[in-house]
C-alpha atoms as a PDB file:
ATOM      1  CA  MET A   1     -98.905  18.738 -37.280  1.00  0.00           C
ATOM      2  CA  GLN A   2     -99.912  22.248 -35.306  1.00  0.00           C
ATOM      3  CA  PHE A   3     -97.696  25.123 -34.349  1.00  0.00           C
ATOM      4  CA  ARG A   4     -98.594  25.782 -30.631  1.00  0.00           C
ATOM      5  CA  PRO A   5     -97.473  29.485 -29.778  1.00  0.00           C
ATOM      6  CA  CYS A   6     -96.333  29.879 -26.133  1.00  0.00           C
ATOM      7  CA  ILE A   7     -96.176  32.861 -24.039  1.00  0.00           C
ATOM      8  CA  ASP A   8     -93.870  32.661 -20.555  1.00  0.00           C
ATOM      9  CA  ILE A   9     -94.548  34.952 -18.221  1.00  0.00           C
ATOM     10  CA  HIS A  10     -92.165  35.783 -15.251  1.00  0.00           C
ATOM     11  CA  ASN A  11     -92.265  38.442 -12.879  1.00  0.00           C
ATOM     12  CA  GLY A  12     -95.149  40.060 -14.596  1.00  0.00           C
ATOM     13  CA  LYS A  13     -93.261  40.258 -18.029  1.00  0.00           C
ATOM     14  CA  VAL A  14     -93.173  37.837 -20.935  1.00  0.00           C
ATOM     15  CA  LYS A  15     -89.912  36.204 -21.074  1.00  0.00           C
ATOM     16  CA  GLN A  16     -87.918  33.363 -22.671  1.00  0.00           C
ATOM     17  CA  ILE A  17     -85.370  31.538 -20.322  1.00  0.00           C
ATOM     18  CA  VAL A  18     -83.563  28.771 -19.801  1.00  0.00           C
ATOM     19  CA  GLY A  19     -85.923  26.281 -18.213  1.00  0.00           C
ATOM     20  CA  SER A  20     -83.652  24.397 -16.388  1.00  0.00           C
ATOM     21  CA  THR A  21     -81.948  27.344 -14.256  1.00  0.00           C
ATOM     22  CA  LEU A  22     -85.309  28.102 -12.404  1.00  0.00           C
ATOM     23  CA  SER A  23     -84.677  27.744  -8.958  1.00  0.00           C
ATOM     24  CA  ASP A  24     -86.492  28.442  -5.425  1.00  0.00           C
ATOM     25  CA  LEU A  25     -83.160  27.625  -3.449  1.00  0.00           C
ATOM     26  CA  GLY A  26     -81.086  31.032  -4.267  1.00  0.00           C
ATOM     27  CA  LYS A  27     -79.082  29.478  -7.048  1.00  0.00           C
ATOM     28  CA  GLU A  28     -77.904  32.040  -8.923  1.00  0.00           C
ATOM     29  CA  ASN A  29     -79.312  34.561  -6.936  1.00  0.00           C
ATOM     30  CA  GLY A  30     -82.927  32.788  -7.514  1.00  0.00           C
ATOM     31  CA  GLN A  31     -82.912  34.555 -11.076  1.00  0.00           C
ATOM     32  CA  PRO A  32     -83.064  32.509 -14.063  1.00  0.00           C
ATOM     33  CA  LYS A  33     -81.360  32.939 -17.117  1.00  0.00           C
ATOM     34  CA  GLU A  34     -82.770  35.067 -19.016  1.00  0.00           C
ATOM     35  CA  ASN A  35     -83.107  34.850 -23.414  1.00  0.00           C
ATOM     36  CA  PHE A  36     -85.317  37.449 -24.280  1.00  0.00           C
ATOM     37  CA  VAL A  37     -88.157  40.266 -22.370  1.00  0.00           C
ATOM     38  CA  ALA A  38     -90.422  41.601 -24.035  1.00  0.00           C
ATOM     39  CA  ASP A  39     -91.539  45.031 -23.897  1.00  0.00           C
ATOM     40  CA  LYS A  40     -95.226  44.093 -24.657  1.00  0.00           C
ATOM     41  CA  ASP A  41     -97.616  41.890 -22.187  1.00  0.00           C
ATOM     42  CA  ALA A  42     -98.976  38.716 -22.709  1.00  0.00           C
ATOM     43  CA  THR A  43    -102.371  39.811 -23.965  1.00  0.00           C
ATOM     44  CA  TYR A  44    -100.544  41.598 -27.502  1.00  0.00           C
ATOM     45  CA  PHE A  45     -99.297  38.289 -28.162  1.00  0.00           C
ATOM     46  CA  ALA A  46    -102.681  36.456 -27.294  1.00  0.00           C
ATOM     47  CA  ASN A  47    -104.078  38.869 -29.899  1.00  0.00           C
ATOM     48  CA  LEU A  48    -101.805  38.249 -32.477  1.00  0.00           C
ATOM     49  CA  TYR A  49    -102.300  34.547 -32.414  1.00  0.00           C
ATOM     50  CA  LYS A  50    -105.728  35.166 -32.467  1.00  0.00           C
ATOM     51  CA  ARG A  51    -105.578  37.050 -35.679  1.00  0.00           C
ATOM     52  CA  ASP A  52    -103.617  34.953 -37.330  1.00  0.00           C
ATOM     53  CA  GLY A  53    -105.693  31.552 -36.624  1.00  0.00           C
ATOM     54  CA  LEU A  54    -103.408  29.825 -33.749  1.00  0.00           C
ATOM     55  CA  LYS A  55    -105.396  27.704 -31.361  1.00  0.00           C
ATOM     56  CA  GLY A  56    -104.122  25.657 -28.490  1.00  0.00           C
ATOM     57  CA  GLY A  57    -101.014  27.539 -27.642  1.00  0.00           C
ATOM     58  CA  HIS A  58    -100.005  27.822 -23.865  1.00  0.00           C
ATOM     59  CA  ILE A  59     -99.574  30.357 -21.147  1.00  0.00           C
ATOM     60  CA  ILE A  60     -97.502  29.430 -18.549  1.00  0.00           C
ATOM     61  CA  ASN A  61     -96.575  31.330 -15.319  1.00  0.00           C
ATOM     62  CA  LEU A  62     -93.165  30.713 -14.286  1.00  0.00           C
ATOM     63  CA  ASN A  63     -93.024  31.906 -10.718  1.00  0.00           C
ATOM     64  CA  MET A  64     -93.809  30.315  -7.571  1.00  0.00           C
ATOM     65  CA  LYS A  65     -97.537  30.016  -6.542  1.00  0.00           C
ATOM     66  CA  GLY A  66     -98.086  32.138  -3.083  1.00  0.00           C
ATOM     67  CA  THR A  67     -94.959  34.768  -3.956  1.00  0.00           C
ATOM     68  CA  LYS A  68     -96.356  38.294  -4.829  1.00  0.00           C
ATOM     69  CA  GLU A  69     -94.653  37.885  -8.229  1.00  0.00           C
ATOM     70  CA  TYR A  70     -96.665  34.555  -9.364  1.00  0.00           C
ATOM     71  CA  GLU A  71     -99.656  37.383  -8.273  1.00  0.00           C
ATOM     72  CA  ALA A  72     -98.320  39.795 -10.759  1.00  0.00           C
ATOM     73  CA  SER A  73     -97.761  37.007 -13.645  1.00  0.00           C
ATOM     74  CA  LYS A  74    -101.356  35.139 -13.054  1.00  0.00           C
ATOM     75  CA  GLU A  75    -103.362  38.889 -13.295  1.00  0.00           C
ATOM     76  CA  MET A  76    -101.029  39.360 -16.894  1.00  0.00           C
ATOM     77  CA  ALA A  77    -101.839  35.819 -17.875  1.00  0.00           C
ATOM     78  CA  LEU A  78    -105.864  36.252 -16.699  1.00  0.00           C
ATOM     79  CA  GLU A  79    -105.775  39.267 -19.155  1.00  0.00           C
ATOM     80  CA  ALA A  80    -103.967  37.206 -22.015  1.00  0.00           C
ATOM     81  CA  LEU A  81    -106.998  34.384 -21.806  1.00  0.00           C
ATOM     82  CA  ARG A  82    -110.078  37.219 -21.671  1.00  0.00           C
ATOM     83  CA  ALA A  83    -108.336  38.545 -24.721  1.00  0.00           C
ATOM     84  CA  TYR A  84    -108.476  35.004 -26.723  1.00  0.00           C
ATOM     85  CA  PRO A  85    -111.070  33.279 -24.928  1.00  0.00           C
ATOM     86  CA  GLY A  86    -110.717  29.402 -26.470  1.00  0.00           C
ATOM     87  CA  GLY A  87    -107.532  29.984 -27.775  1.00  0.00           C
ATOM     88  CA  LEU A  88    -105.086  29.253 -25.366  1.00  0.00           C
ATOM     89  CA  GLN A  89    -104.029  26.955 -22.708  1.00  0.00           C
ATOM     90  CA  TYR A  90    -102.986  28.144 -18.743  1.00  0.00           C
ATOM     91  CA  GLY A  91    -100.501  25.810 -16.673  1.00  0.00           C
ATOM     92  CA  GLY A  92     -98.520  27.239 -13.542  1.00  0.00           C
ATOM     93  CA  GLY A  93     -99.656  26.540  -9.986  1.00  0.00           C
ATOM     94  CA  VAL A  94    -102.832  24.832 -11.324  1.00  0.00           C
ATOM     95  CA  ASP A  95    -104.727  22.603  -8.793  1.00  0.00           C
ATOM     96  CA  ASP A  96    -108.374  21.643  -8.177  1.00  0.00           C
ATOM     97  CA  LYS A  97    -109.405  24.970  -6.279  1.00  0.00           C
ATOM     98  CA  THR A  98    -108.147  27.389  -9.244  1.00  0.00           C
ATOM     99  CA  ALA A  99    -108.366  25.083 -12.431  1.00  0.00           C
ATOM    100  CA  GLN A 100    -112.045  26.710 -13.192  1.00  0.00           C
ATOM    101  CA  GLU A 101    -110.673  30.486 -12.238  1.00  0.00           C
ATOM    102  CA  TYR A 102    -108.478  29.913 -15.714  1.00  0.00           C
ATOM    103  CA  ILE A 103    -111.081  28.391 -17.777  1.00  0.00           C
ATOM    104  CA  ASP A 104    -114.238  30.353 -16.863  1.00  0.00           C
ATOM    105  CA  ALA A 105    -111.522  33.374 -17.530  1.00  0.00           C
ATOM    106  CA  GLY A 106    -111.169  32.057 -21.471  1.00  0.00           C
ATOM    107  CA  ALA A 107    -108.427  28.835 -21.043  1.00  0.00           C
ATOM    108  CA  SER A 108    -109.515  25.840 -23.432  1.00  0.00           C
ATOM    109  CA  HIS A 109    -107.889  23.453 -20.903  1.00  0.00           C
ATOM    110  CA  VAL A 110    -105.912  24.081 -18.277  1.00  0.00           C
ATOM    111  CA  ILE A 111    -101.778  22.354 -17.734  1.00  0.00           C
ATOM    112  CA  VAL A 112    -100.918  20.645 -14.678  1.00  0.00           C
ATOM    113  CA  THR A 113     -97.838  18.937 -13.417  1.00  0.00           C
ATOM    114  CA  SER A 114     -96.824  19.097  -9.482  1.00  0.00           C
ATOM    115  CA  TYR A 115    -100.727  18.822  -8.606  1.00  0.00           C
ATOM    116  CA  VAL A 116    -101.154  15.449  -9.375  1.00  0.00           C
ATOM    117  CA  PHE A 117     -97.823  14.038  -8.151  1.00  0.00           C
ATOM    118  CA  ASN A 118     -97.223  13.042  -4.616  1.00  0.00           C
ATOM    119  CA  ASP A 119     -93.649  11.855  -3.796  1.00  0.00           C
ATOM    120  CA  GLY A 120     -92.594  11.548  -7.107  1.00  0.00           C
ATOM    121  CA  ARG A 121     -95.021   9.568  -8.407  1.00  0.00           C
ATOM    122  CA  VAL A 122     -98.386  10.040  -9.946  1.00  0.00           C
ATOM    123  CA  ASP A 123    -101.215  10.702  -7.530  1.00  0.00           C
ATOM    124  CA  TYR A 124    -103.902   8.987  -9.705  1.00  0.00           C
ATOM    125  CA  ASP A 125    -106.750  10.052  -7.009  1.00  0.00           C
ATOM    126  CA  ALA A 126    -105.681  13.440  -7.397  1.00  0.00           C
ATOM    127  CA  LEU A 127    -105.790  12.930 -11.190  1.00  0.00           C
ATOM    128  CA  ALA A 128    -109.125  11.321 -11.448  1.00  0.00           C
ATOM    129  CA  HIS A 129    -110.779  14.002  -9.293  1.00  0.00           C
ATOM    130  CA  LEU A 130    -108.978  16.932 -10.989  1.00  0.00           C
ATOM    131  CA  SER A 131    -110.187  14.905 -14.237  1.00  0.00           C
ATOM    132  CA  LYS A 132    -114.076  14.663 -13.129  1.00  0.00           C
ATOM    133  CA  LEU A 133    -113.733  18.295 -11.900  1.00  0.00           C
ATOM    134  CA  ILE A 134    -113.695  20.154 -14.747  1.00  0.00           C
ATOM    135  CA  GLY A 135    -113.902  17.634 -17.348  1.00  0.00           C
ATOM    136  CA  ARG A 136    -110.996  15.545 -19.243  1.00  0.00           C
ATOM    137  CA  GLU A 137    -111.518  17.623 -22.016  1.00  0.00           C
ATOM    138  CA  HIS A 138    -110.485  20.839 -20.737  1.00  0.00           C
ATOM    139  CA  LEU A 139    -107.308  19.239 -19.054  1.00  0.00           C
ATOM    140  CA  VAL A 140    -103.536  18.832 -20.482  1.00  0.00           C
ATOM    141  CA  LEU A 141    -100.901  17.276 -18.338  1.00  0.00           C
ATOM    142  CA  ASP A 142     -97.462  18.674 -18.581  1.00  0.00           C
ATOM    143  CA  LEU A 143     -94.689  15.791 -18.898  1.00  0.00           C
ATOM    144  CA  SER A 144     -91.568  17.406 -19.484  1.00  0.00           C
ATOM    145  CA  CYS A 145     -88.462  15.560 -18.841  1.00  0.00           C
ATOM    146  CA  THR A 146     -84.875  14.931 -18.322  1.00  0.00           C
ATOM    147  CA  ARG A 147     -82.760  12.691 -19.674  1.00  0.00           C
ATOM    148  CA  VAL A 148     -81.675   9.706 -17.012  1.00  0.00           C
ATOM    149  CA  ASP A 149     -79.103   7.420 -18.164  1.00  0.00           C
ATOM    150  CA  ASP A 150     -81.328   5.859 -20.942  1.00  0.00           C
ATOM    151  CA  ARG A 151     -84.693   6.823 -19.687  1.00  0.00           C
ATOM    152  CA  PHE A 152     -86.834   9.933 -19.929  1.00  0.00           C
ATOM    153  CA  VAL A 153     -88.037  10.674 -16.724  1.00  0.00           C
ATOM    154  CA  ILE A 154     -90.714  13.314 -15.974  1.00  0.00           C
ATOM    155  CA  VAL A 155     -89.681  16.799 -13.925  1.00  0.00           C
ATOM    156  CA  THR A 156     -92.225  18.632 -11.394  1.00  0.00           C
ATOM    157  CA  ASP A 157     -92.203  21.702  -9.675  1.00  0.00           C
ATOM    158  CA  ARG A 158     -90.902  24.203 -12.714  1.00  0.00           C
ATOM    159  CA  TRP A 159     -88.549  21.173 -13.787  1.00  0.00           C
ATOM    160  CA  GLN A 160     -86.731  21.362 -10.176  1.00  0.00           C
ATOM    161  CA  LYS A 161     -87.702  17.842  -8.992  1.00  0.00           C
ATOM    162  CA  ILE A 162     -87.008  14.272 -11.076  1.00  0.00           C
ATOM    163  CA  SER A 163     -90.000  12.123 -10.405  1.00  0.00           C
ATOM    164  CA  LYS A 164     -89.848   8.404 -10.618  1.00  0.00           C
ATOM    165  CA  GLU A 165     -92.377   8.355 -13.533  1.00  0.00           C
ATOM    166  CA  VAL A 166     -90.380   7.661 -16.492  1.00  0.00           C
ATOM    167  CA  ILE A 167     -91.856   8.169 -19.987  1.00  0.00           C
ATOM    168  CA  THR A 168     -93.239   4.620 -21.572  1.00  0.00           C
ATOM    169  CA  TYR A 169     -95.959   3.811 -24.059  1.00  0.00           C
ATOM    170  CA  ASN A 170     -98.090   2.012 -21.080  1.00  0.00           C
ATOM    171  CA  PHE A 171     -97.583   5.004 -18.674  1.00  0.00           C
ATOM    172  CA  LEU A 172     -98.987   7.413 -21.238  1.00  0.00           C
ATOM    173  CA  ASP A 173    -101.629   5.037 -22.324  1.00  0.00           C
ATOM    174  CA  ARG A 174    -102.737   5.327 -18.078  1.00  0.00           C
ATOM    175  CA  LEU A 175    -102.497   8.720 -18.533  1.00  0.00           C
ATOM    176  CA  ALA A 176    -104.405   9.595 -21.385  1.00  0.00           C
ATOM    177  CA  TYR A 177    -107.893   8.310 -20.037  1.00  0.00           C
ATOM    178  CA  PHE A 178    -108.074  11.518 -17.346  1.00  0.00           C
ATOM    179  CA  CYS A 179    -106.616  14.079 -20.294  1.00  0.00           C
ATOM    180  CA  ASP A 180    -107.353  15.509 -23.467  1.00  0.00           C
ATOM    181  CA  GLU A 181    -103.499  16.410 -24.089  1.00  0.00           C
ATOM    182  CA  PHE A 182     -99.929  15.980 -23.525  1.00  0.00           C
ATOM    183  CA  LEU A 183     -97.429  19.147 -23.309  1.00  0.00           C
ATOM    184  CA  ILE A 184     -93.859  17.848 -22.689  1.00  0.00           C
ATOM    185  CA  HIS A 185     -90.798  19.737 -22.625  1.00  0.00           C
ATOM    186  CA  ALA A 186     -87.248  18.443 -23.137  1.00  0.00           C
ATOM    187  CA  ALA A 187     -85.980  20.251 -20.329  1.00  0.00           C
ATOM    188  CA  ASP A 188     -82.250  19.622 -21.349  1.00  0.00           C
ATOM    189  CA  VAL A 189     -82.408  21.375 -24.326  1.00  0.00           C
ATOM    190  CA  GLU A 190     -85.212  24.053 -23.499  1.00  0.00           C
ATOM    191  CA  GLY A 191     -84.418  27.394 -23.988  1.00  0.00           C
ATOM    192  CA  ARG A 192     -80.777  26.543 -25.254  1.00  0.00           C
ATOM    193  CA  GLN A 193     -81.620  27.247 -29.293  1.00  0.00           C
ATOM    194  CA  GLY A 194     -79.183  24.164 -29.531  1.00  0.00           C
ATOM    195  CA  GLY A 195     -81.558  21.814 -31.572  1.00  0.00           C
ATOM    196  CA  ILE A 196     -84.359  19.640 -30.727  1.00  0.00           C
ATOM    197  CA  ASP A 197     -83.577  16.218 -28.346  1.00  0.00           C
ATOM    198  CA  ARG A 198     -83.932  14.002 -31.556  1.00  0.00           C
ATOM    199  CA  ASP A 199     -83.955  11.033 -28.778  1.00  0.00           C
ATOM    200  CA  LEU A 200     -87.071  12.239 -26.976  1.00  0.00           C
ATOM    201  CA  VAL A 201     -89.087  12.982 -30.021  1.00  0.00           C
ATOM    202  CA  GLY A 202     -88.282   9.412 -31.388  1.00  0.00           C
ATOM    203  CA  LEU A 203     -89.745   8.099 -28.715  1.00  0.00           C
ATOM    204  CA  LEU A 204     -92.924   9.796 -28.775  1.00  0.00           C
ATOM    205  CA  ALA A 205     -93.691  10.285 -32.172  1.00  0.00           C
ATOM    206  CA  PRO A 206     -95.474   6.974 -32.451  1.00  0.00           C
ATOM    207  CA  TYR A 207     -97.927   7.577 -29.684  1.00  0.00           C
ATOM    208  CA  LYS A 208    -101.238   8.871 -31.132  1.00  0.00           C
ATOM    209  CA  ARG A 209    -103.676   8.241 -28.688  1.00  0.00           C
ATOM    210  CA  VAL A 210    -103.976  11.901 -27.412  1.00  0.00           C
ATOM    211  CA  PRO A 211    -102.366  14.875 -29.063  1.00  0.00           C
ATOM    212  CA  ILE A 212     -98.722  15.795 -28.085  1.00  0.00           C
ATOM    213  CA  THR A 213     -97.172  19.128 -28.323  1.00  0.00           C
ATOM    214  CA  TYR A 214     -93.492  19.146 -28.340  1.00  0.00           C
ATOM    215  CA  ALA A 215     -91.669  21.818 -26.671  1.00  0.00           C
ATOM    216  CA  GLY A 216     -87.203  22.377 -26.270  1.00  0.00           C
ATOM    217  CA  GLY A 217     -84.549  23.213 -28.198  1.00  0.00           C
ATOM    218  CA  VAL A 218     -86.202  24.228 -32.066  1.00  0.00           C
ATOM    219  CA  HIS A 219     -83.224  26.358 -33.638  1.00  0.00           C
ATOM    220  CA  ASP A 220     -84.212  26.734 -37.105  1.00  0.00           C
ATOM    221  CA  TYR A 221     -86.760  25.196 -39.656  1.00  0.00           C
ATOM    222  CA  SER A 222     -84.849  22.495 -40.152  1.00  0.00           C
ATOM    223  CA  ASP A 223     -85.981  20.995 -36.379  1.00  0.00           C
ATOM    224  CA  ILE A 224     -89.978  22.118 -37.223  1.00  0.00           C
ATOM    225  CA  GLU A 225     -89.267  19.717 -40.661  1.00  0.00           C
ATOM    226  CA  LEU A 226     -87.444  16.823 -38.555  1.00  0.00           C
ATOM    227  CA  ILE A 227     -90.169  17.032 -36.225  1.00  0.00           C
ATOM    228  CA  SER A 228     -92.712  16.531 -38.818  1.00  0.00           C
ATOM    229  CA  TYR A 229     -90.855  13.677 -40.688  1.00  0.00           C
ATOM    230  CA  LEU A 230     -90.018  11.645 -37.336  1.00  0.00           C
ATOM    231  CA  SER A 231     -93.959  11.937 -36.653  1.00  0.00           C
ATOM    232  CA  ASP A 232     -95.536  11.688 -39.667  1.00  0.00           C
ATOM    233  CA  ASN A 233     -96.518  15.137 -39.499  1.00  0.00           C
ATOM    234  CA  VAL A 234     -98.667  14.160 -36.584  1.00  0.00           C
ATOM    235  CA  MET A 235     -97.083  15.950 -33.442  1.00  0.00           C
ATOM    236  CA  ASP A 236     -97.463  19.307 -32.754  1.00  0.00           C
ATOM    237  CA  PHE A 237     -94.409  21.732 -31.807  1.00  0.00           C
ATOM    238  CA  THR A 238     -94.003  25.174 -29.779  1.00  0.00           C
ATOM    239  CA  VAL A 239     -90.965  27.318 -30.560  1.00  0.00           C
ATOM    240  CA  GLY A 240     -89.573  29.636 -28.155  1.00  0.00           C
ATOM    241  CA  SER A 241     -86.106  31.615 -28.126  1.00  0.00           C
ATOM    242  CA  CYS A 242     -85.588  30.984 -31.578  1.00  0.00           C
ATOM    243  CA  LEU A 243     -88.690  32.912 -32.762  1.00  0.00           C
ATOM    244  CA  ASP A 244     -88.011  36.446 -34.093  1.00  0.00           C
ATOM    245  CA  LEU A 245     -91.232  37.610 -31.897  1.00  0.00           C
ATOM    246  CA  PHE A 246     -88.728  36.518 -28.495  1.00  0.00           C
ATOM    247  CA  GLY A 247     -85.825  37.949 -30.243  1.00  0.00           C
ATOM    248  CA  GLY A 248     -84.767  35.173 -32.476  1.00  0.00           C
ATOM    249  CA  ASP A 249     -83.920  34.494 -36.042  1.00  0.00           C
ATOM    250  CA  LEU A 250     -86.539  32.177 -36.964  1.00  0.00           C
ATOM    251  CA  SER A 251     -89.743  33.848 -38.516  1.00  0.00           C
ATOM    252  CA  TYR A 252     -92.948  33.751 -37.036  1.00  0.00           C
ATOM    253  CA  ASP A 253     -94.714  34.905 -40.515  1.00  0.00           C
ATOM    254  CA  ARG A 254     -93.074  32.045 -42.250  1.00  0.00           C
ATOM    255  CA  ILE A 255     -94.206  29.232 -39.608  1.00  0.00           C
ATOM    256  CA  VAL A 256     -97.716  30.704 -39.528  1.00  0.00           C
ATOM    257  CA  LYS A 257     -97.505  30.980 -43.469  1.00  0.00           C
ATOM    258  CA  ARG A 258     -96.044  27.234 -43.862  1.00  0.00           C
ATOM    259  CA  ILE A 259     -97.873  25.394 -41.139  1.00  0.00           C
ATOM    260  CA  VAL A 260    -100.936  26.747 -40.284  1.00  0.00           C
ATOM    261  CA  HIS A 261    -101.975  28.809 -43.568  1.00  0.00           C
ATOM    262  CA  ARG A 262    -100.492  26.015 -46.270  1.00  0.00           C
END
């Protein structure tokens, strides 16, 4: 089990938001619900994670590609990647034309969802093309999902569109051929600080073909212990809004000491 730290950027600032409130359609005045806005930039956090030997964390650009806000967040992300080469992954608007730019800037991996989806289904031609272009070892698939009845269905376009793809072991096996890791946000609990989605963690826990990082709802240290217990200490995790770095009560230093430097 590893602690995978995060840097979420929105409108050129490091933030923690409630992911399900992102909207391109004017809902809530087009602005997501914010849990925290940092007074430090992404490079500060990248240097902190570098100092503490944390690898495999992710930088996510939460803005819509093609907007000036996206470009502002992108520039901040690139600066952070250059500050910690090889230590962080990047996601947000990545496609076959831009992926190499982030890797050249220092990203160990790029994180992709929407580019490899077409009409609610995985476009395996696009996925194979990107995997071959940058190398499977540099590709993470974000399979963030929401509960629909008794299934977990992948959401795309920054968690705004429900796809037709359901998380099953056969589905994960097919995708694992093309990528190095999965990043899976539990969209229903992301940013709500109310505890992890135990059912999703339980579903993912037996899967060992490629590493999985779980994100969403970690509220206190008992949630981290539960992820460890359910996954036999294999599944990685990230913490957002509840971390004291981002205005919460959960100690970053405690996690680093107990998980990283144990």
